[in-house]
């Protein structure tokens, strides 16, 4: 994985997203799980990111997500059920367990329909 320096725009958008959208961030205490400053505020290079930031906050800005994750193993994907973009990992096909369950119900209905037609 090639790392590169973040652009000024990327750093500004990351900072804005953390302050506005991150549930783990508190203005007085910083990152609540780490009990210190937010790791993403001092980020200058691509590479490792806060896992919560990638999964929950980064999908809110698809342009930044494509910019940051373009050359990594985590790539933006589109959910087959709801059409929402998400950061896909490995063989993940759906954005949430709810969409995965809906897809399984749909596949099961099709399977049973074909089975009934054969009889």
N, C-alpha and C. Protein backbone atom coordinates (compact mmCIF):
# COMPACT_ATOMS: atom_id res chain seq x y z
N UNK A 1 0.85 -1.17 0.00
CA UNK A 1 0.00 0.00 0.00
C UNK A 1 0.89 1.23 0.00
N UNK A 2 0.68 2.11 -0.96
CA UNK A 2 1.45 3.34 -1.06
C UNK A 2 0.82 4.40 -0.18
N UNK A 3 1.64 5.02 0.66
CA UNK A 3 1.11 6.11 1.48
C UNK A 3 1.53 7.42 0.85
N UNK A 4 0.70 8.42 1.04
CA UNK A 4 0.99 9.74 0.50
C UNK A 4 0.56 10.77 1.53
N UNK A 5 1.03 11.98 1.35
CA UNK A 5 0.65 13.05 2.26
C UNK A 5 -0.77 13.51 1.94
N UNK A 6 -1.55 13.76 2.98
CA UNK A 6 -2.91 14.25 2.78
C UNK A 6 -2.87 15.69 2.27
N UNK A 7 -3.81 16.02 1.41
CA UNK A 7 -3.89 17.40 0.91
C UNK A 7 -4.53 18.28 1.98
N UNK A 8 -4.43 19.55 1.78
CA UNK A 8 -5.00 20.51 2.73
C UNK A 8 -6.52 20.33 2.80
N UNK A 9 -7.15 20.12 1.64
CA UNK A 9 -8.59 19.92 1.58
C UNK A 9 -8.99 18.67 2.37
N UNK A 10 -8.26 17.56 2.20
CA UNK A 10 -8.57 16.32 2.91
C UNK A 10 -8.46 16.50 4.42
N UNK A 11 -7.41 17.17 4.87
CA UNK A 11 -7.25 17.39 6.32
C UNK A 11 -8.39 18.25 6.86
N UNK A 12 -8.79 19.28 6.10
CA UNK A 12 -9.88 20.16 6.56
C UNK A 12 -11.20 19.40 6.64
N UNK A 13 -11.48 18.58 5.65
CA UNK A 13 -12.75 17.83 5.65
C UNK A 13 -12.75 16.78 6.77
N UNK A 14 -11.62 16.13 7.00
CA UNK A 14 -11.51 15.16 8.09
C UNK A 14 -11.81 15.84 9.41
N UNK A 15 -11.18 16.99 9.65
CA UNK A 15 -11.39 17.73 10.89
C UNK A 15 -12.86 18.12 11.06
N UNK A 16 -13.48 18.61 9.99
CA UNK A 16 -14.89 19.01 10.04
C UNK A 16 -15.79 17.81 10.33
N UNK A 17 -15.55 16.70 9.66
CA UNK A 17 -16.36 15.51 9.90
C UNK A 17 -16.24 15.01 11.34
N UNK A 18 -15.02 15.01 11.87
CA UNK A 18 -14.83 14.53 13.24
C UNK A 18 -15.59 15.42 14.22
N UNK A 19 -15.46 16.73 14.06
CA UNK A 19 -16.10 17.66 14.99
C UNK A 19 -17.62 17.58 14.90
N UNK A 20 -18.15 17.49 13.69
CA UNK A 20 -19.60 17.53 13.51
C UNK A 20 -20.29 16.18 13.66
N UNK A 21 -19.66 15.10 13.19
CA UNK A 21 -20.37 13.84 13.05
C UNK A 21 -19.89 12.69 13.94
N UNK A 22 -18.68 12.72 14.43
CA UNK A 22 -18.14 11.58 15.18
C UNK A 22 -18.78 11.50 16.57
N UNK A 23 -19.37 10.35 16.86
CA UNK A 23 -20.02 10.15 18.15
C UNK A 23 -19.01 9.97 19.28
N UNK A 24 -17.78 9.61 18.94
CA UNK A 24 -16.74 9.39 19.95
C UNK A 24 -16.00 10.67 20.32
N UNK A 25 -16.29 11.78 19.65
CA UNK A 25 -15.53 13.00 19.87
C UNK A 25 -16.30 13.95 20.78
N UNK A 26 -15.59 14.50 21.75
CA UNK A 26 -16.14 15.51 22.65
C UNK A 26 -15.21 16.71 22.61
N UNK A 27 -15.75 17.91 22.47
CA UNK A 27 -14.90 19.10 22.35
C UNK A 27 -13.99 19.31 23.56
N UNK A 28 -14.43 18.93 24.73
CA UNK A 28 -13.62 19.14 25.94
C UNK A 28 -12.62 18.02 26.17
N UNK A 29 -13.04 16.77 25.94
CA UNK A 29 -12.20 15.62 26.27
C UNK A 29 -11.47 15.01 25.08
N UNK A 30 -11.84 15.37 23.88
CA UNK A 30 -11.23 14.76 22.70
C UNK A 30 -11.90 13.44 22.38
N UNK A 31 -11.11 12.46 22.00
CA UNK A 31 -11.64 11.13 21.67
C UNK A 31 -11.96 10.39 22.97
N UNK A 32 -13.22 10.05 23.15
CA UNK A 32 -13.66 9.44 24.40
C UNK A 32 -13.03 8.05 24.63
N UNK A 33 -13.00 7.13 23.61
CA UNK A 33 -12.39 5.82 23.87
C UNK A 33 -10.89 5.91 24.17
N UNK A 34 -10.20 6.85 23.53
CA UNK A 34 -8.75 6.96 23.76
C UNK A 34 -8.41 7.82 24.97
N UNK A 35 -9.36 8.62 25.42
CA UNK A 35 -9.16 9.55 26.53
C UNK A 35 -8.00 10.52 26.24
N UNK A 36 -7.92 10.95 24.98
CA UNK A 36 -6.89 11.91 24.56
C UNK A 36 -7.37 12.61 23.29
N UNK A 37 -6.48 13.35 22.66
CA UNK A 37 -6.84 14.01 21.41
C UNK A 37 -7.23 12.99 20.35
N UNK A 38 -8.08 13.41 19.43
CA UNK A 38 -8.51 12.53 18.35
C UNK A 38 -7.33 12.21 17.44
N UNK A 39 -7.17 10.95 17.13
CA UNK A 39 -6.09 10.47 16.27
C UNK A 39 -6.17 11.11 14.88
N UNK A 40 -7.38 11.32 14.38
CA UNK A 40 -7.56 11.82 13.02
C UNK A 40 -7.18 13.30 12.88
N UNK A 41 -7.16 14.05 13.97
CA UNK A 41 -6.76 15.46 13.89
C UNK A 41 -5.30 15.63 13.51
N UNK A 42 -4.46 14.71 13.91
CA UNK A 42 -3.02 14.83 13.69
C UNK A 42 -2.56 13.94 12.53
N UNK A 43 -3.47 13.58 11.68
CA UNK A 43 -3.18 12.70 10.55
C UNK A 43 -2.64 13.52 9.38
N UNK A 44 -1.44 13.18 8.90
CA UNK A 44 -0.83 13.89 7.77
C UNK A 44 -0.56 12.96 6.60
N UNK A 45 -0.65 11.64 6.81
CA UNK A 45 -0.35 10.68 5.76
C UNK A 45 -1.48 9.68 5.65
N UNK A 46 -1.68 9.13 4.45
CA UNK A 46 -2.66 8.07 4.29
C UNK A 46 -2.11 6.80 4.91
N UNK A 47 -2.95 5.86 5.12
CA UNK A 47 -2.50 4.60 5.72
C UNK A 47 -3.50 4.15 6.74
N UNK A 48 -3.11 4.10 7.99
CA UNK A 48 -4.03 3.63 9.04
C UNK A 48 -4.96 4.77 9.45
N UNK A 49 -6.23 4.41 9.62
CA UNK A 49 -7.25 5.36 10.03
C UNK A 49 -7.97 4.80 11.25
N UNK A 50 -8.65 5.67 11.95
CA UNK A 50 -9.52 5.25 13.04
C UNK A 50 -10.62 4.38 12.45
N UNK A 51 -10.80 3.18 12.98
CA UNK A 51 -11.77 2.24 12.42
C UNK A 51 -13.19 2.79 12.49
N UNK A 52 -13.53 3.45 13.60
CA UNK A 52 -14.87 4.04 13.72
C UNK A 52 -15.06 5.13 12.67
N UNK A 53 -14.02 5.92 12.44
CA UNK A 53 -14.10 6.99 11.44
C UNK A 53 -14.37 6.39 10.05
N UNK A 54 -13.67 5.34 9.69
CA UNK A 54 -13.83 4.73 8.36
C UNK A 54 -15.21 4.12 8.19
N UNK A 55 -15.70 3.44 9.21
CA UNK A 55 -16.98 2.74 9.08
C UNK A 55 -18.20 3.62 9.26
N UNK A 56 -18.15 4.61 10.14
CA UNK A 56 -19.35 5.37 10.47
C UNK A 56 -19.35 6.81 9.98
N UNK A 57 -18.20 7.46 9.95
CA UNK A 57 -18.17 8.88 9.63
C UNK A 57 -17.78 9.12 8.17
N UNK A 58 -16.81 8.42 7.67
CA UNK A 58 -16.32 8.63 6.31
C UNK A 58 -17.37 8.43 5.23
N UNK A 59 -18.31 7.48 5.34
CA UNK A 59 -19.34 7.34 4.30
C UNK A 59 -20.24 8.57 4.14
N UNK A 60 -20.22 9.48 5.10
CA UNK A 60 -21.03 10.69 4.98
C UNK A 60 -20.49 11.64 3.92
N UNK A 61 -19.24 11.48 3.53
CA UNK A 61 -18.64 12.30 2.48
C UNK A 61 -18.02 11.37 1.43
N UNK A 62 -18.81 10.98 0.41
CA UNK A 62 -18.32 10.02 -0.59
C UNK A 62 -17.08 10.51 -1.35
N UNK A 63 -16.97 11.81 -1.59
CA UNK A 63 -15.81 12.33 -2.32
C UNK A 63 -14.53 12.11 -1.52
N UNK A 64 -14.58 12.37 -0.23
CA UNK A 64 -13.41 12.14 0.63
C UNK A 64 -13.11 10.65 0.74
N UNK A 65 -14.15 9.83 0.82
CA UNK A 65 -13.96 8.40 0.94
C UNK A 65 -13.22 7.86 -0.29
N UNK A 66 -13.62 8.29 -1.48
CA UNK A 66 -12.94 7.84 -2.70
C UNK A 66 -11.51 8.34 -2.71
N UNK A 67 -11.31 9.58 -2.29
CA UNK A 67 -9.96 10.15 -2.29
C UNK A 67 -9.02 9.42 -1.34
N UNK A 68 -9.50 9.09 -0.15
CA UNK A 68 -8.65 8.44 0.85
C UNK A 68 -8.46 6.95 0.61
N UNK A 69 -9.49 6.29 0.14
CA UNK A 69 -9.45 4.84 0.04
C UNK A 69 -9.25 4.33 -1.38
N UNK A 70 -8.82 5.18 -2.28
CA UNK A 70 -8.70 4.81 -3.69
C UNK A 70 -7.70 3.68 -3.91
N UNK A 71 -6.56 3.70 -3.26
CA UNK A 71 -5.51 2.71 -3.49
C UNK A 71 -5.34 1.73 -2.35
N UNK A 72 -6.34 1.55 -1.54
CA UNK A 72 -6.23 0.63 -0.41
C UNK A 72 -7.15 -0.55 -0.62
N UNK A 73 -7.07 -1.53 0.25
CA UNK A 73 -7.90 -2.71 0.13
C UNK A 73 -9.35 -2.43 0.51
N UNK A 74 -9.62 -1.32 1.19
CA UNK A 74 -10.98 -0.92 1.54
C UNK A 74 -11.45 0.05 0.47
N UNK A 75 -12.40 -0.37 -0.34
CA UNK A 75 -12.85 0.47 -1.44
C UNK A 75 -14.33 0.78 -1.29
N UNK A 76 -14.76 1.93 -1.77
CA UNK A 76 -16.18 2.27 -1.65
C UNK A 76 -17.02 1.35 -2.54
N UNK A 77 -18.12 0.90 -1.99
CA UNK A 77 -19.03 0.01 -2.72
C UNK A 77 -20.45 0.52 -2.58
N UNK A 78 -21.32 0.01 -3.44
CA UNK A 78 -22.72 0.38 -3.40
C UNK A 78 -23.53 -0.82 -2.94
N UNK A 79 -24.39 -0.60 -2.00
CA UNK A 79 -25.24 -1.66 -1.46
C UNK A 79 -26.25 -2.09 -2.53
N UNK A 80 -26.42 -3.39 -2.70
CA UNK A 80 -27.35 -3.91 -3.70
C UNK A 80 -28.81 -3.75 -3.32
N UNK A 81 -29.10 -3.49 -2.08
CA UNK A 81 -30.49 -3.37 -1.63
C UNK A 81 -30.94 -1.91 -1.58
N UNK A 82 -30.20 -1.08 -0.82
CA UNK A 82 -30.64 0.32 -0.63
C UNK A 82 -29.92 1.31 -1.53
N UNK A 83 -28.80 0.91 -2.15
CA UNK A 83 -28.08 1.80 -3.06
C UNK A 83 -27.13 2.77 -2.38
N UNK A 84 -26.95 2.66 -1.08
CA UNK A 84 -26.08 3.56 -0.33
C UNK A 84 -24.62 3.13 -0.49
N UNK A 85 -23.71 4.10 -0.58
CA UNK A 85 -22.29 3.78 -0.65
C UNK A 85 -21.76 3.48 0.74
N UNK A 86 -20.83 2.51 0.81
CA UNK A 86 -20.23 2.15 2.08
C UNK A 86 -18.81 1.66 1.83
N UNK A 87 -18.00 1.65 2.88
CA UNK A 87 -16.63 1.15 2.76
C UNK A 87 -16.67 -0.37 2.91
N UNK A 88 -16.50 -1.07 1.80
CA UNK A 88 -16.59 -2.52 1.81
C UNK A 88 -15.29 -3.18 2.24
N UNK A 89 -15.39 -4.23 3.00
CA UNK A 89 -14.22 -4.98 3.46
C UNK A 89 -14.34 -6.41 2.95
N UNK A 90 -13.33 -6.89 2.26
CA UNK A 90 -13.32 -8.28 1.81
C UNK A 90 -14.49 -8.59 0.89
N UNK A 91 -15.30 -9.56 1.29
CA UNK A 91 -16.42 -10.01 0.47
C UNK A 91 -17.74 -9.37 0.87
N UNK A 92 -17.71 -8.34 1.68
CA UNK A 92 -18.93 -7.69 2.15
C UNK A 92 -19.70 -7.11 0.97
N UNK A 93 -21.00 -7.44 0.87
CA UNK A 93 -21.80 -6.99 -0.26
C UNK A 93 -22.87 -5.99 0.12
N UNK A 94 -23.23 -5.92 1.40
CA UNK A 94 -24.32 -5.06 1.83
C UNK A 94 -23.84 -4.13 2.93
N UNK A 95 -24.48 -2.96 3.04
CA UNK A 95 -24.00 -1.93 3.96
C UNK A 95 -24.34 -2.22 5.41
N UNK A 96 -25.37 -3.01 5.67
CA UNK A 96 -25.78 -3.25 7.05
C UNK A 96 -26.36 -4.65 7.19
N UNK A 97 -26.48 -5.15 8.41
CA UNK A 97 -27.13 -6.45 8.62
C UNK A 97 -28.59 -6.45 8.17
N UNK A 98 -29.25 -5.30 8.26
CA UNK A 98 -30.63 -5.20 7.82
C UNK A 98 -30.76 -5.46 6.31
N UNK A 99 -29.85 -4.87 5.53
CA UNK A 99 -29.86 -5.08 4.08
C UNK A 99 -29.46 -6.52 3.75
N UNK A 100 -28.52 -7.09 4.49
CA UNK A 100 -28.12 -8.48 4.26
C UNK A 100 -29.30 -9.42 4.51
N UNK A 101 -30.06 -9.15 5.55
CA UNK A 101 -31.22 -9.98 5.87
C UNK A 101 -32.29 -9.84 4.78
N UNK A 102 -32.50 -8.63 4.28
CA UNK A 102 -33.47 -8.41 3.21
C UNK A 102 -33.04 -9.15 1.94
N UNK A 103 -31.75 -9.15 1.63
CA UNK A 103 -31.25 -9.86 0.46
C UNK A 103 -31.43 -11.36 0.62
N UNK A 104 -31.18 -11.87 1.82
CA UNK A 104 -31.34 -13.31 2.05
C UNK A 104 -32.81 -13.71 1.89
N UNK A 105 -33.73 -12.88 2.40
CA UNK A 105 -35.16 -13.17 2.25
C UNK A 105 -35.54 -13.21 0.78
N UNK A 106 -35.01 -12.27 -0.01
CA UNK A 106 -35.32 -12.20 -1.43
C UNK A 106 -34.79 -13.45 -2.16
N UNK A 107 -33.55 -13.84 -1.86
CA UNK A 107 -32.97 -15.04 -2.49
C UNK A 107 -33.75 -16.29 -2.10
N UNK A 108 -34.17 -16.38 -0.84
CA UNK A 108 -34.94 -17.54 -0.37
C UNK A 108 -36.29 -17.60 -1.07
N UNK A 109 -36.94 -16.45 -1.27
CA UNK A 109 -38.21 -16.42 -1.99
C UNK A 109 -38.04 -16.92 -3.43
N UNK A 110 -36.97 -16.46 -4.11
CA UNK A 110 -36.72 -16.89 -5.47
C UNK A 110 -36.45 -18.39 -5.54
N UNK A 111 -35.67 -18.89 -4.59
CA UNK A 111 -35.37 -20.32 -4.55
C UNK A 111 -36.65 -21.13 -4.38
N UNK A 112 -37.49 -20.74 -3.44
CA UNK A 112 -38.71 -21.49 -3.19
C UNK A 112 -39.68 -21.38 -4.38
N UNK A 113 -39.72 -20.24 -5.04
CA UNK A 113 -40.57 -20.06 -6.21
C UNK A 113 -40.14 -21.02 -7.32
N UNK A 114 -38.83 -21.13 -7.57
CA UNK A 114 -38.32 -22.04 -8.60
C UNK A 114 -38.62 -23.49 -8.22
N UNK A 115 -38.48 -23.78 -6.95
CA UNK A 115 -38.72 -25.16 -6.48
C UNK A 115 -40.19 -25.55 -6.65
N UNK A 116 -41.10 -24.61 -6.36
CA UNK A 116 -42.53 -24.89 -6.53
C UNK A 116 -42.89 -25.06 -8.01
N UNK A 117 -42.23 -24.28 -8.89
CA UNK A 117 -42.52 -24.39 -10.33
C UNK A 117 -42.09 -25.75 -10.89
N UNK A 118 -41.04 -26.36 -10.32
CA UNK A 118 -40.57 -27.66 -10.80
C UNK A 118 -41.56 -28.77 -10.46
N UNK A 119 -42.26 -28.62 -9.35
CA UNK A 119 -43.18 -29.68 -8.91
C UNK A 119 -44.48 -29.68 -9.68
